[in-house]
Amino acid sequence: MFAVIETGGKQYLVAENRKIRVEKLPAGEGGKVLFPRVLLIFDDKTTEIGTPTVAHSTVEGEVLKQGRADKVIVFKYHAKTRYRKKKGHRQHFTDVLIKKILMK
């Protein structure tokens, strides 16, 4: 069984016992997290498409790790004007193990 969920303004294709990396969630390591915005659920027999979400369905997960991604350098440069700016950015993330896809 697969599902498409929305969290952090992005959509993710998830399946049970798979790990995904999402935007930072307010849960500690080992904590449970629910994704109520399920946009699509499908398996071998049926496909349910939400309008915009599938009613009475959630996806349960367990937080494996909180962390920060590798640094990304943002460099701006204008030729002949002595304009140079260098910034670094590290995005926060949460690794989640999908436990159950619940459909009622």
C-alpha atoms as a PDB file:
ATOM      1  CA  MET A   1       0.000   0.000   0.000  1.00  0.00           C
ATOM      2  CA  PHE A   2       1.259   3.449  -0.926  1.00  0.00           C
ATOM      3  CA  ALA A   3       0.090   6.966  -0.079  1.00  0.00           C
ATOM      4  CA  VAL A   4       0.875  10.536  -1.047  1.00  0.00           C
ATOM      5  CA  ILE A   5       1.064  12.892   1.936  1.00  0.00           C
ATOM      6  CA  GLU A   6       1.632  16.617   2.278  1.00  0.00           C
ATOM      7  CA  THR A   7       3.832  18.147   4.964  1.00  0.00           C
ATOM      8  CA  GLY A   8       5.984  21.242   5.045  1.00  0.00           C
ATOM      9  CA  GLY A   9       4.476  22.475   1.768  1.00  0.00           C
ATOM     10  CA  LYS A  10       5.788  19.441  -0.120  1.00  0.00           C
ATOM     11  CA  GLN A  11       4.296  16.130  -1.221  1.00  0.00           C
ATOM     12  CA  TYR A  12       5.866  12.733  -0.492  1.00  0.00           C
ATOM     13  CA  LEU A  13       5.162   9.234  -1.804  1.00  0.00           C
ATOM     14  CA  VAL A  14       5.308   6.938   1.232  1.00  0.00           C
ATOM     15  CA  ALA A  15       4.973   3.228   1.958  1.00  0.00           C
ATOM     16  CA  GLU A  16       4.999   1.252   5.190  1.00  0.00           C
ATOM     17  CA  ASN A  17       8.438   0.546   6.706  1.00  0.00           C
ATOM     18  CA  ARG A  18      10.164   3.152   4.532  1.00  0.00           C
ATOM     19  CA  LYS A  19      12.167   6.151   5.682  1.00  0.00           C
ATOM     20  CA  ILE A  20      11.551   9.694   4.428  1.00  0.00           C
ATOM     21  CA  ARG A  21      13.252  13.013   5.126  1.00  0.00           C
ATOM     22  CA  VAL A  22      10.850  15.918   5.660  1.00  0.00           C
ATOM     23  CA  GLU A  23      11.015  19.512   6.850  1.00  0.00           C
ATOM     24  CA  LYS A  24      11.586  19.864  10.595  1.00  0.00           C
ATOM     25  CA  LEU A  25       8.683  18.600  12.727  1.00  0.00           C
ATOM     26  CA  PRO A  26       8.055  19.503  16.388  1.00  0.00           C
ATOM     27  CA  ALA A  27       8.654  16.012  17.825  1.00  0.00           C
ATOM     28  CA  GLY A  28      11.558  14.452  19.672  1.00  0.00           C
ATOM     29  CA  GLU A  29      13.542  11.429  18.583  1.00  0.00           C
ATOM     30  CA  GLY A  30      11.520   8.262  19.124  1.00  0.00           C
ATOM     31  CA  GLY A  31       8.263  10.227  19.177  1.00  0.00           C
ATOM     32  CA  LYS A  32       5.205   9.517  17.077  1.00  0.00           C
ATOM     33  CA  VAL A  33       4.002  11.838  14.346  1.00  0.00           C
ATOM     34  CA  LEU A  34       0.717  11.834  12.411  1.00  0.00           C
ATOM     35  CA  PHE A  35       0.256  13.093   8.867  1.00  0.00           C
ATOM     36  CA  PRO A  36      -3.467  13.929   8.487  1.00  0.00           C
ATOM     37  CA  ARG A  37      -3.166  15.429   4.977  1.00  0.00           C
ATOM     38  CA  VAL A  38      -3.330  12.284   2.838  1.00  0.00           C
ATOM     39  CA  LEU A  39      -3.871  13.209  -0.813  1.00  0.00           C
ATOM     40  CA  LEU A  40      -3.953   9.733  -2.384  1.00  0.00           C
ATOM     41  CA  ILE A  41      -3.993   6.098  -1.263  1.00  0.00           C
ATOM     42  CA  PHE A  42      -3.493   3.155  -3.602  1.00  0.00           C
ATOM     43  CA  ASP A  43      -2.800  -0.560  -3.453  1.00  0.00           C
ATOM     44  CA  ASP A  44      -3.247  -3.502  -5.829  1.00  0.00           C
ATOM     45  CA  LYS A  45      -7.050  -3.359  -5.766  1.00  0.00           C
ATOM     46  CA  THR A  46      -8.198   0.220  -5.188  1.00  0.00           C
ATOM     47  CA  THR A  47      -7.155   3.807  -5.632  1.00  0.00           C
ATOM     48  CA  GLU A  48      -8.660   6.630  -3.577  1.00  0.00           C
ATOM     49  CA  ILE A  49      -8.029  10.196  -4.677  1.00  0.00           C
ATOM     50  CA  GLY A  50      -8.768  13.000  -2.248  1.00  0.00           C
ATOM     51  CA  THR A  51     -10.652  16.200  -2.982  1.00  0.00           C
ATOM     52  CA  PRO A  52      -8.293  17.655  -1.723  1.00  0.00           C
ATOM     53  CA  THR A  53      -7.664  15.022   0.980  1.00  0.00           C
ATOM     54  CA  VAL A  54      -8.895  11.472   1.525  1.00  0.00           C
ATOM     55  CA  ALA A  55     -11.475  11.519   4.322  1.00  0.00           C
ATOM     56  CA  HIS A  56     -10.784   9.536   7.514  1.00  0.00           C
ATOM     57  CA  SER A  57      -7.227   8.561   6.614  1.00  0.00           C
ATOM     58  CA  THR A  58      -3.913   9.250   8.309  1.00  0.00           C
ATOM     59  CA  VAL A  59      -0.329   8.096   8.099  1.00  0.00           C
ATOM     60  CA  GLU A  60       1.569   7.252  11.298  1.00  0.00           C
ATOM     61  CA  GLY A  61       5.314   7.592  11.607  1.00  0.00           C
ATOM     62  CA  GLU A  62       8.124   7.452  14.132  1.00  0.00           C
ATOM     63  CA  VAL A  63      10.814  10.122  14.347  1.00  0.00           C
ATOM     64  CA  LEU A  64      14.239   8.562  13.851  1.00  0.00           C
ATOM     65  CA  LYS A  65      16.441  11.643  13.853  1.00  0.00           C
ATOM     66  CA  GLN A  66      16.436  15.441  13.891  1.00  0.00           C
ATOM     67  CA  GLY A  67      19.288  17.093  12.053  1.00  0.00           C
ATOM     68  CA  ARG A  68      20.651  19.679   9.671  1.00  0.00           C
ATOM     69  CA  ALA A  69      21.595  19.136   6.047  1.00  0.00           C
ATOM     70  CA  ASP A  70      24.967  19.951   4.505  1.00  0.00           C
ATOM     71  CA  LYS A  71      25.813  23.585   3.988  1.00  0.00           C
ATOM     72  CA  VAL A  72      24.709  25.210   0.743  1.00  0.00           C
ATOM     73  CA  ILE A  73      26.675  28.267  -0.397  1.00  0.00           C
ATOM     74  CA  VAL A  74      24.714  31.185  -1.864  1.00  0.00           C
ATOM     75  CA  PHE A  75      27.047  33.535  -3.753  1.00  0.00           C
ATOM     76  CA  LYS A  76      25.887  36.723  -5.467  1.00  0.00           C
ATOM     77  CA  TYR A  77      28.182  38.612  -7.828  1.00  0.00           C
ATOM     78  CA  HIS A  78      27.801  41.645 -10.072  1.00  0.00           C
ATOM     79  CA  ALA A  79      30.611  42.199 -12.526  1.00  0.00           C
ATOM     80  CA  LYS A  80      32.463  45.553 -12.573  1.00  0.00           C
ATOM     81  CA  THR A  81      30.710  46.951  -9.481  1.00  0.00           C
ATOM     82  CA  ARG A  82      32.642  45.336  -6.598  1.00  0.00           C
ATOM     83  CA  TYR A  83      29.461  43.585  -5.455  1.00  0.00           C
ATOM     84  CA  ARG A  84      30.009  40.212  -3.830  1.00  0.00           C
ATOM     85  CA  LYS A  85      27.944  38.484  -1.160  1.00  0.00           C
ATOM     86  CA  LYS A  86      28.558  35.032   0.249  1.00  0.00           C
ATOM     87  CA  LYS A  87      26.090  33.284   2.548  1.00  0.00           C
ATOM     88  CA  GLY A  88      25.769  29.757   3.845  1.00  0.00           C
ATOM     89  CA  HIS A  89      22.572  27.920   4.766  1.00  0.00           C
ATOM     90  CA  ARG A  90      21.853  24.618   6.537  1.00  0.00           C
ATOM     91  CA  GLN A  91      18.274  23.356   6.349  1.00  0.00           C
ATOM     92  CA  HIS A  92      16.748  21.563   9.355  1.00  0.00           C
ATOM     93  CA  PHE A  93      15.180  18.152   8.680  1.00  0.00           C
ATOM     94  CA  THR A  94      13.451  15.226  10.372  1.00  0.00           C
ATOM     95  CA  ASP A  95      13.946  11.575   9.365  1.00  0.00           C
ATOM     96  CA  VAL A  96      10.678   9.654   9.774  1.00  0.00           C
ATOM     97  CA  LEU A  97      10.006   5.916   9.528  1.00  0.00           C
ATOM     98  CA  ILE A  98       6.491   5.304   8.192  1.00  0.00           C
ATOM     99  CA  LYS A  99       4.729   2.759  10.445  1.00  0.00           C
ATOM    100  CA  LYS A 100       1.105   2.565   9.240  1.00  0.00           C
ATOM    101  CA  ILE A 101      -1.150   3.875   6.517  1.00  0.00           C
ATOM    102  CA  LEU A 102      -4.616   4.002   8.065  1.00  0.00           C
ATOM    103  CA  MET A 103      -7.712   4.108   5.873  1.00  0.00           C
ATOM    104  CA  LYS A 104     -11.208   3.860   7.335  1.00  0.00           C
END
